[in-house]
Amino acid sequence: MTQTSENVTWLTQEAYNQLKAELAYLSGPARTEIAVKIAAAREEGDLRENGGYHAAKEEQGKMELRVRQLTQLLEHAKVGEAPADDGVVEPGMVVTIAFDGDPDDTMTFLLASREYASADIETYSPQSPLGSGVNGKKMGEDAEYELPNGKTASVKILEAKPYTG
């Protein structure tokens, strides 16, 4: 799951299959379901005051946006293996950092595409300031990244393990 450029997202085979299945559902059965909802709401009469119609159209718009996102992601995805457990920070790794080298001020996060985001662990993109700062660093090394205010922050890589979750 090594990131080689900003337009390529490395995915495990499992993640690729999951996203492909979501796209197939949204492009097929989900489109049919939303078309039925819209048609049923349309038959209720005046569309200007028809909440069901407007809700269904909004749902359709969100679904079509997700279809476009998934299509683009999968077009540029490369399928590979999970990263090696070698202590080098790369996409697919759970990283623990200490801010300014302070062992009491730590944070653990997953370095990955937002498609991996879950409620279990905070996720940072490899293109984010923090993500790009730590990507490629080894355990024990220091990394710097730019804060939104233009200042530079320093972190120490305490741990980097492959994400298993």
N, C-alpha and C. Protein backbone atom coordinates (compact mmCIF):
# COMPACT_ATOMS: atom_id res chain seq x y z
N MET A 1 0.83 -1.19 0.00
CA MET A 1 0.00 0.00 0.00
C MET A 1 0.87 1.25 0.00
N THR A 2 1.93 1.24 -0.74
CA THR A 2 2.81 2.40 -0.82
C THR A 2 2.23 3.41 -1.79
N GLN A 3 2.23 4.65 -1.38
CA GLN A 3 1.73 5.73 -2.22
C GLN A 3 2.88 6.20 -3.11
N THR A 4 2.71 6.16 -4.45
CA THR A 4 3.80 6.58 -5.32
C THR A 4 3.54 7.96 -5.92
N SER A 5 2.30 8.37 -6.00
CA SER A 5 1.99 9.72 -6.47
C SER A 5 0.64 10.11 -5.91
N GLU A 6 0.31 11.38 -6.05
CA GLU A 6 -0.95 11.85 -5.49
C GLU A 6 -2.17 11.31 -6.23
N ASN A 7 -2.00 10.83 -7.46
CA ASN A 7 -3.14 10.33 -8.23
C ASN A 7 -3.34 8.83 -8.09
N VAL A 8 -2.41 8.15 -7.44
CA VAL A 8 -2.51 6.70 -7.28
C VAL A 8 -2.82 6.39 -5.82
N THR A 9 -3.80 5.53 -5.60
CA THR A 9 -4.10 5.05 -4.26
C THR A 9 -3.85 3.56 -4.25
N TRP A 10 -2.99 3.13 -3.37
CA TRP A 10 -2.71 1.71 -3.23
C TRP A 10 -3.75 1.10 -2.31
N LEU A 11 -4.32 -0.01 -2.74
CA LEU A 11 -5.34 -0.70 -1.96
C LEU A 11 -4.96 -2.17 -1.84
N THR A 12 -5.32 -2.76 -0.71
CA THR A 12 -5.19 -4.20 -0.61
C THR A 12 -6.27 -4.81 -1.49
N GLN A 13 -6.13 -6.07 -1.82
CA GLN A 13 -7.13 -6.74 -2.65
C GLN A 13 -8.49 -6.71 -1.96
N GLU A 14 -8.50 -6.90 -0.64
CA GLU A 14 -9.74 -6.89 0.12
C GLU A 14 -10.44 -5.53 0.03
N ALA A 15 -9.69 -4.44 0.19
CA ALA A 15 -10.26 -3.10 0.10
C ALA A 15 -10.77 -2.81 -1.31
N TYR A 16 -10.01 -3.22 -2.31
CA TYR A 16 -10.41 -3.03 -3.70
C TYR A 16 -11.72 -3.76 -3.97
N ASN A 17 -11.81 -5.01 -3.53
CA ASN A 17 -13.03 -5.80 -3.75
C ASN A 17 -14.23 -5.16 -3.05
N GLN A 18 -14.02 -4.65 -1.85
CA GLN A 18 -15.10 -4.02 -1.09
C GLN A 18 -15.61 -2.76 -1.81
N LEU A 19 -14.70 -1.93 -2.29
CA LEU A 19 -15.09 -0.71 -3.00
C LEU A 19 -15.74 -1.04 -4.34
N LYS A 20 -15.24 -2.06 -5.02
CA LYS A 20 -15.82 -2.50 -6.30
C LYS A 20 -17.26 -2.99 -6.08
N ALA A 21 -17.49 -3.72 -4.99
CA ALA A 21 -18.84 -4.21 -4.67
C ALA A 21 -19.77 -3.04 -4.36
N GLU A 22 -19.28 -2.05 -3.62
CA GLU A 22 -20.10 -0.87 -3.32
C GLU A 22 -20.48 -0.15 -4.61
N LEU A 23 -19.51 0.00 -5.52
CA LEU A 23 -19.78 0.65 -6.79
C LEU A 23 -20.82 -0.13 -7.61
N ALA A 24 -20.69 -1.44 -7.63
CA ALA A 24 -21.64 -2.27 -8.37
C ALA A 24 -23.05 -2.12 -7.81
N TYR A 25 -23.17 -2.08 -6.50
CA TYR A 25 -24.49 -1.91 -5.87
C TYR A 25 -25.07 -0.53 -6.20
N LEU A 26 -24.25 0.51 -6.02
CA LEU A 26 -24.74 1.87 -6.27
C LEU A 26 -25.08 2.10 -7.74
N SER A 27 -24.35 1.45 -8.64
CA SER A 27 -24.58 1.63 -10.08
C SER A 27 -25.76 0.80 -10.58
N GLY A 28 -26.16 -0.20 -9.83
CA GLY A 28 -27.23 -1.08 -10.28
C GLY A 28 -28.47 -1.00 -9.41
N PRO A 29 -28.57 -1.90 -8.41
CA PRO A 29 -29.78 -1.97 -7.58
C PRO A 29 -30.14 -0.64 -6.90
N ALA A 30 -29.15 0.09 -6.41
CA ALA A 30 -29.46 1.35 -5.71
C ALA A 30 -30.05 2.39 -6.66
N ARG A 31 -29.55 2.44 -7.90
CA ARG A 31 -30.11 3.37 -8.89
C ARG A 31 -31.57 3.02 -9.18
N THR A 32 -31.85 1.74 -9.27
CA THR A 32 -33.23 1.31 -9.53
C THR A 32 -34.14 1.69 -8.37
N GLU A 33 -33.65 1.46 -7.13
CA GLU A 33 -34.44 1.79 -5.94
C GLU A 33 -34.76 3.28 -5.88
N ILE A 34 -33.77 4.13 -6.15
CA ILE A 34 -34.00 5.57 -6.06
C ILE A 34 -34.91 6.04 -7.18
N ALA A 35 -34.82 5.42 -8.35
CA ALA A 35 -35.71 5.79 -9.46
C ALA A 35 -37.16 5.46 -9.11
N VAL A 36 -37.37 4.35 -8.42
CA VAL A 36 -38.72 3.96 -7.98
C VAL A 36 -39.23 4.96 -6.95
N LYS A 37 -38.38 5.37 -6.01
CA LYS A 37 -38.78 6.36 -5.00
C LYS A 37 -39.17 7.68 -5.66
N ILE A 38 -38.38 8.12 -6.62
CA ILE A 38 -38.65 9.38 -7.30
C ILE A 38 -39.96 9.29 -8.07
N ALA A 39 -40.17 8.18 -8.77
CA ALA A 39 -41.40 8.01 -9.54
C ALA A 39 -42.63 7.99 -8.63
N ALA A 40 -42.52 7.29 -7.49
CA ALA A 40 -43.64 7.22 -6.55
C ALA A 40 -43.95 8.61 -5.98
N ALA A 41 -42.91 9.36 -5.64
CA ALA A 41 -43.11 10.70 -5.08
C ALA A 41 -43.67 11.64 -6.14
N ARG A 42 -43.26 11.47 -7.37
CA ARG A 42 -43.73 12.31 -8.47
C ARG A 42 -45.24 12.16 -8.67
N GLU A 43 -45.72 10.94 -8.44
CA GLU A 43 -47.16 10.66 -8.63
C GLU A 43 -48.02 11.30 -7.55
N GLU A 44 -47.39 11.78 -6.48
CA GLU A 44 -48.14 12.41 -5.39
C GLU A 44 -48.62 13.81 -5.73
N GLY A 45 -48.17 14.35 -6.85
CA GLY A 45 -48.68 15.65 -7.27
C GLY A 45 -47.64 16.74 -7.33
N ASP A 46 -48.03 17.95 -6.93
CA ASP A 46 -47.22 19.16 -7.03
C ASP A 46 -45.81 18.94 -6.48
N LEU A 47 -44.80 19.03 -7.37
CA LEU A 47 -43.42 18.74 -6.97
C LEU A 47 -42.80 19.85 -6.12
N ARG A 48 -43.33 21.07 -6.21
CA ARG A 48 -42.75 22.19 -5.46
C ARG A 48 -42.90 21.99 -3.95
N GLU A 49 -43.95 21.32 -3.52
CA GLU A 49 -44.19 21.13 -2.09
C GLU A 49 -44.15 19.66 -1.70
N ASN A 50 -43.45 18.87 -2.47
CA ASN A 50 -43.41 17.44 -2.26
C ASN A 50 -42.07 17.06 -1.59
N GLY A 51 -42.10 16.95 -0.25
CA GLY A 51 -40.88 16.65 0.51
C GLY A 51 -40.26 15.32 0.14
N GLY A 52 -41.07 14.32 -0.10
CA GLY A 52 -40.56 12.99 -0.47
C GLY A 52 -39.79 13.03 -1.78
N TYR A 53 -40.31 13.81 -2.73
CA TYR A 53 -39.66 13.93 -4.03
C TYR A 53 -38.29 14.61 -3.88
N HIS A 54 -38.27 15.73 -3.14
CA HIS A 54 -37.03 16.46 -2.97
C HIS A 54 -35.99 15.65 -2.18
N ALA A 55 -36.44 14.91 -1.19
CA ALA A 55 -35.54 14.05 -0.41
C ALA A 55 -34.95 12.95 -1.31
N ALA A 56 -35.78 12.37 -2.14
CA ALA A 56 -35.32 11.30 -3.03
C ALA A 56 -34.33 11.86 -4.07
N LYS A 57 -34.59 13.05 -4.58
CA LYS A 57 -33.67 13.67 -5.55
C LYS A 57 -32.33 14.00 -4.88
N GLU A 58 -32.38 14.46 -3.62
CA GLU A 58 -31.14 14.76 -2.90
C GLU A 58 -30.34 13.48 -2.67
N GLU A 59 -31.04 12.42 -2.28
CA GLU A 59 -30.40 11.12 -2.08
C GLU A 59 -29.76 10.64 -3.38
N GLN A 60 -30.46 10.84 -4.48
CA GLN A 60 -29.93 10.46 -5.79
C GLN A 60 -28.65 11.23 -6.11
N GLY A 61 -28.64 12.52 -5.82
CA GLY A 61 -27.45 13.33 -6.07
C GLY A 61 -26.26 12.85 -5.26
N LYS A 62 -26.49 12.54 -3.99
CA LYS A 62 -25.40 12.05 -3.13
C LYS A 62 -24.88 10.71 -3.63
N MET A 63 -25.80 9.86 -4.06
CA MET A 63 -25.42 8.54 -4.55
C MET A 63 -24.59 8.67 -5.84
N GLU A 64 -25.00 9.56 -6.74
CA GLU A 64 -24.27 9.73 -7.99
C GLU A 64 -22.89 10.32 -7.74
N LEU A 65 -22.77 11.19 -6.74
CA LEU A 65 -21.46 11.73 -6.37
C LEU A 65 -20.56 10.61 -5.88
N ARG A 66 -21.09 9.73 -5.05
CA ARG A 66 -20.31 8.60 -4.54
C ARG A 66 -19.90 7.67 -5.68
N VAL A 67 -20.79 7.46 -6.65
CA VAL A 67 -20.45 6.63 -7.82
C VAL A 67 -19.27 7.24 -8.56
N ARG A 68 -19.29 8.57 -8.77
CA ARG A 68 -18.18 9.24 -9.47
C ARG A 68 -16.89 9.13 -8.66
N GLN A 69 -16.98 9.31 -7.33
CA GLN A 69 -15.79 9.21 -6.48
C GLN A 69 -15.18 7.81 -6.56
N LEU A 70 -16.04 6.80 -6.42
CA LEU A 70 -15.55 5.42 -6.46
C LEU A 70 -14.97 5.07 -7.82
N THR A 71 -15.63 5.52 -8.89
CA THR A 71 -15.15 5.24 -10.24
C THR A 71 -13.75 5.81 -10.43
N GLN A 72 -13.57 7.07 -10.02
CA GLN A 72 -12.26 7.71 -10.15
C GLN A 72 -11.21 7.02 -9.28
N LEU A 73 -11.56 6.71 -8.05
CA LEU A 73 -10.63 6.05 -7.14
C LEU A 73 -10.18 4.71 -7.72
N LEU A 74 -11.13 3.91 -8.17
CA LEU A 74 -10.81 2.57 -8.67
C LEU A 74 -10.05 2.62 -10.00
N GLU A 75 -10.30 3.65 -10.81
CA GLU A 75 -9.56 3.80 -12.07
C GLU A 75 -8.08 4.02 -11.81
N HIS A 76 -7.76 4.73 -10.72
CA HIS A 76 -6.37 5.08 -10.42
C HIS A 76 -5.77 4.22 -9.32
N ALA A 77 -6.50 3.21 -8.86
CA ALA A 77 -6.01 2.38 -7.76
C ALA A 77 -5.03 1.33 -8.26
N LYS A 78 -4.08 1.03 -7.42
CA LYS A 78 -3.15 -0.08 -7.66
C LYS A 78 -3.38 -1.06 -6.51
N VAL A 79 -3.53 -2.32 -6.86
CA VAL A 79 -3.78 -3.34 -5.84
C VAL A 79 -2.46 -3.97 -5.46
N GLY A 80 -2.23 -4.06 -4.17
CA GLY A 80 -0.98 -4.64 -3.68
C GLY A 80 -1.17 -5.27 -2.33
N GLU A 81 -0.08 -5.64 -1.76
CA GLU A 81 -0.10 -6.28 -0.45
C GLU A 81 -0.07 -5.23 0.66
N ALA A 82 -0.43 -5.65 1.84
CA ALA A 82 -0.31 -4.78 3.00
C ALA A 82 1.17 -4.45 3.20
N PRO A 83 1.47 -3.33 3.81
CA PRO A 83 2.88 -2.95 3.99
C PRO A 83 3.62 -3.92 4.90
N ALA A 84 4.92 -3.99 4.70
CA ALA A 84 5.76 -4.85 5.54
C ALA A 84 5.83 -4.27 6.95
N ASP A 85 5.98 -5.17 7.92
CA ASP A 85 6.11 -4.75 9.32
C ASP A 85 7.59 -4.47 9.58
N ASP A 86 8.09 -3.38 8.97
CA ASP A 86 9.52 -3.07 9.06
C ASP A 86 9.79 -1.75 9.78
N GLY A 87 8.74 -1.15 10.38
CA GLY A 87 8.94 0.08 11.14
C GLY A 87 9.03 1.33 10.30
N VAL A 88 8.87 1.20 8.97
CA VAL A 88 8.90 2.36 8.09
C VAL A 88 7.46 2.84 7.89
N VAL A 89 7.24 4.13 8.08
CA VAL A 89 5.91 4.70 7.94
C VAL A 89 5.54 4.76 6.46
N GLU A 90 4.38 4.19 6.12
CA GLU A 90 3.84 4.24 4.77
C GLU A 90 2.34 4.01 4.85
N PRO A 91 1.62 4.31 3.77
CA PRO A 91 0.17 4.09 3.79
C PRO A 91 -0.15 2.65 4.20
N GLY A 92 -1.16 2.53 5.05
CA GLY A 92 -1.56 1.23 5.57
C GLY A 92 -0.97 0.93 6.94
N MET A 93 -0.23 1.89 7.48
CA MET A 93 0.41 1.69 8.78
C MET A 93 -0.32 2.48 9.86
N VAL A 94 -0.38 1.90 11.06
CA VAL A 94 -0.85 2.60 12.25
C VAL A 94 0.40 3.22 12.87
N VAL A 95 0.38 4.54 12.99
CA VAL A 95 1.56 5.29 13.41
C VAL A 95 1.30 5.95 14.76
N THR A 96 2.26 5.84 15.66
CA THR A 96 2.20 6.56 16.93
C THR A 96 3.33 7.57 16.91
N ILE A 97 2.96 8.82 17.18
CA ILE A 97 3.94 9.91 17.18
C ILE A 97 3.93 10.62 18.52
N ALA A 98 5.03 11.26 18.84
CA ALA A 98 5.12 12.13 20.02
C ALA A 98 5.38 13.54 19.50
N PHE A 99 4.56 14.48 19.93
CA PHE A 99 4.71 15.87 19.51
C PHE A 99 5.92 16.49 20.20
N ASP A 100 6.76 17.15 19.42
CA ASP A 100 7.97 17.81 19.93
C ASP A 100 8.80 16.86 20.80
N GLY A 101 8.75 15.57 20.49
CA GLY A 101 9.54 14.59 21.23
C GLY A 101 9.05 14.30 22.64
N ASP A 102 7.90 14.85 23.03
CA ASP A 102 7.36 14.68 24.39
C ASP A 102 6.63 13.34 24.48
N PRO A 103 7.16 12.36 25.22
CA PRO A 103 6.54 11.03 25.28
C PRO A 103 5.15 11.03 25.93
N ASP A 104 4.78 12.12 26.58
CA ASP A 104 3.46 12.20 27.19
C ASP A 104 2.42 12.82 26.24
N ASP A 105 2.86 13.44 25.16
CA ASP A 105 1.97 14.09 24.21
C ASP A 105 2.01 13.31 22.90
N THR A 106 1.23 12.21 22.87
CA THR A 106 1.28 11.31 21.72
C THR A 106 -0.06 11.23 21.01
N MET A 107 0.00 10.69 19.80
CA MET A 107 -1.21 10.46 19.00
C MET A 107 -0.96 9.23 18.14
N THR A 108 -1.99 8.41 17.99
CA THR A 108 -1.92 7.24 17.12
C THR A 108 -2.97 7.40 16.03
N PHE A 109 -2.57 7.12 14.79
CA PHE A 109 -3.49 7.28 13.66
C PHE A 109 -3.12 6.30 12.56
N LEU A 110 -4.04 6.12 11.63
CA LEU A 110 -3.83 5.30 10.45
C LEU A 110 -3.44 6.21 9.30
N LEU A 111 -2.36 5.91 8.64
CA LEU A 111 -1.94 6.65 7.46
C LEU A 111 -2.53 5.93 6.25
N ALA A 112 -3.58 6.51 5.68
CA ALA A 112 -4.28 5.81 4.59
C ALA A 112 -5.22 6.76 3.87
N SER A 113 -5.71 6.30 2.75
CA SER A 113 -6.75 7.01 2.01
C SER A 113 -7.99 7.11 2.88
N ARG A 114 -8.78 8.13 2.67
CA ARG A 114 -9.99 8.29 3.49
C ARG A 114 -10.97 7.15 3.29
N GLU A 115 -10.78 6.35 2.25
CA GLU A 115 -11.64 5.19 2.03
C GLU A 115 -11.47 4.16 3.14
N TYR A 116 -10.36 4.24 3.86
CA TYR A 116 -10.10 3.34 4.97
C TYR A 116 -10.63 3.87 6.29
N ALA A 117 -11.05 5.12 6.30
CA ALA A 117 -11.45 5.76 7.56
C ALA A 117 -12.51 4.93 8.27
N SER A 118 -12.34 4.82 9.58
CA SER A 118 -13.32 4.10 10.38
C SER A 118 -13.48 4.84 11.70
N ALA A 119 -14.48 4.45 12.45
CA ALA A 119 -14.71 5.07 13.75
C ALA A 119 -13.68 4.59 14.78
N ASP A 120 -12.99 3.50 14.46
CA ASP A 120 -12.06 2.89 15.42
C ASP A 120 -10.76 3.68 15.58
N ILE A 121 -10.31 4.33 14.50
CA ILE A 121 -9.01 5.01 14.55
C ILE A 121 -9.04 6.23 13.63
N GLU A 122 -8.41 7.30 14.09
CA GLU A 122 -8.34 8.50 13.28
C GLU A 122 -7.47 8.20 12.06
N THR A 123 -7.84 8.75 10.90
CA THR A 123 -7.13 8.48 9.65
C THR A 123 -6.60 9.77 9.07
N TYR A 124 -5.34 9.75 8.68
CA TYR A 124 -4.71 10.88 7.99
C TYR A 124 -4.27 10.43 6.61
N SER A 125 -4.56 11.22 5.60
CA SER A 125 -4.16 10.94 4.24
C SER A 125 -2.65 11.11 4.09
N PRO A 126 -2.02 10.32 3.22
CA PRO A 126 -0.59 10.53 2.96
C PRO A 126 -0.31 11.90 2.35
N GLN A 127 -1.32 12.55 1.77
CA GLN A 127 -1.14 13.88 1.18
C GLN A 127 -1.35 15.00 2.19
N SER A 128 -1.86 14.69 3.39
CA SER A 128 -2.07 15.71 4.41
C SER A 128 -0.71 16.21 4.89
N PRO A 129 -0.66 17.40 5.49
CA PRO A 129 0.64 17.88 5.99
C PRO A 129 1.31 16.89 6.95
N LEU A 130 0.56 16.37 7.92
CA LEU A 130 1.15 15.41 8.86
C LEU A 130 1.52 14.12 8.12
N GLY A 131 0.63 13.63 7.28
CA GLY A 131 0.88 12.39 6.55
C GLY A 131 2.12 12.47 5.68
N SER A 132 2.26 13.56 4.93
CA SER A 132 3.44 13.69 4.06
C SER A 132 4.71 13.89 4.88
N GLY A 133 4.57 14.48 6.07
CA GLY A 133 5.74 14.68 6.92
C GLY A 133 6.29 13.39 7.49
N VAL A 134 5.42 12.45 7.84
CA VAL A 134 5.88 11.20 8.47
C VAL A 134 6.10 10.08 7.46
N ASN A 135 5.50 10.17 6.28
CA ASN A 135 5.61 9.12 5.27
C ASN A 135 7.08 8.87 4.91
N GLY A 136 7.50 7.62 5.02
CA GLY A 136 8.86 7.24 4.67
C GLY A 136 9.84 7.29 5.84
N LYS A 137 9.42 7.84 6.96
CA LYS A 137 10.29 7.91 8.14
C LYS A 137 10.28 6.56 8.86
N LYS A 138 11.31 6.34 9.67
CA LYS A 138 11.43 5.10 10.44
C LYS A 138 11.18 5.37 11.91
N MET A 139 10.85 4.30 12.64
CA MET A 139 10.67 4.43 14.09
C MET A 139 11.93 5.03 14.68
N GLY A 140 11.72 6.00 15.59
CA GLY A 140 12.83 6.67 16.24
C GLY A 140 13.26 7.95 15.54
N GLU A 141 12.86 8.13 14.29
CA GLU A 141 13.24 9.34 13.55
C GLU A 141 12.29 10.50 13.86
N ASP A 142 12.80 11.71 13.63
CA ASP A 142 11.99 12.91 13.76
C ASP A 142 11.44 13.29 12.38
N ALA A 143 10.27 13.93 12.39
CA ALA A 143 9.66 14.40 11.15
C ALA A 143 9.10 15.79 11.40
N GLU A 144 9.05 16.58 10.35
CA GLU A 144 8.47 17.92 10.46
C GLU A 144 7.35 18.04 9.44
N TYR A 145 6.38 18.88 9.80
CA TYR A 145 5.30 19.18 8.87
C TYR A 145 4.81 20.59 9.14
N GLU A 146 4.16 21.16 8.13
CA GLU A 146 3.71 22.54 8.25
C GLU A 146 2.30 22.62 8.82
N LEU A 147 2.12 23.48 9.80
CA LEU A 147 0.82 23.73 10.42
C LEU A 147 0.02 24.71 9.56
N PRO A 148 -1.30 24.76 9.74
CA PRO A 148 -2.12 25.70 8.96
C PRO A 148 -1.68 27.16 9.10
N ASN A 149 -1.08 27.50 10.24
CA ASN A 149 -0.65 28.89 10.45
C ASN A 149 0.71 29.18 9.82
N GLY A 150 1.28 28.20 9.11
CA GLY A 150 2.56 28.40 8.43
C GLY A 150 3.77 28.00 9.26
N LYS A 151 3.58 27.74 10.55
CA LYS A 151 4.69 27.33 11.41
C LYS A 151 4.98 25.84 11.17
N THR A 152 6.12 25.40 11.61
CA THR A 152 6.52 24.01 11.44
C THR A 152 6.42 23.29 12.78
N ALA A 153 5.87 22.09 12.76
CA ALA A 153 5.77 21.26 13.96
C ALA A 153 6.71 20.07 13.80
N SER A 154 7.22 19.59 14.92
CA SER A 154 8.13 18.46 14.92
C SER A 154 7.50 17.30 15.70
N VAL A 155 7.63 16.10 15.16
CA VAL A 155 7.14 14.90 15.84
C VAL A 155 8.21 13.82 15.76
N LYS A 156 8.14 12.90 16.71
CA LYS A 156 9.05 11.75 16.71
C LYS A 156 8.20 10.51 16.44
N ILE A 157 8.66 9.65 15.55
CA ILE A 157 7.94 8.42 15.22
C ILE A 157 8.25 7.40 16.33
N LEU A 158 7.23 7.04 17.09
CA LEU A 158 7.42 6.07 18.17
C LEU A 158 7.17 4.64 17.70
N GLU A 159 6.17 4.48 16.81
CA GLU A 159 5.82 3.15 16.35
C GLU A 159 5.12 3.23 15.00
N ALA A 160 5.34 2.20 14.18
CA ALA A 160 4.66 2.08 12.89
C ALA A 160 4.42 0.59 12.64
N LYS A 161 3.14 0.22 12.67
CA LYS A 161 2.75 -1.19 12.50
C LYS A 161 1.69 -1.29 11.40
N PRO A 162 1.67 -2.37 10.64
CA PRO A 162 0.62 -2.53 9.62
C PRO A 162 -0.77 -2.54 10.26
N TYR A 163 -1.71 -1.89 9.59
CA TYR A 163 -3.11 -1.85 10.05
C TYR A 163 -3.73 -3.22 9.82
N THR A 164 -4.38 -3.75 10.84
CA THR A 164 -4.97 -5.08 10.71
C THR A 164 -6.49 -5.04 10.83
N GLY A 165 -7.04 -3.85 11.03
CA GLY A 165 -8.42 -3.75 11.38
C GLY A 165 -9.41 -3.59 10.39
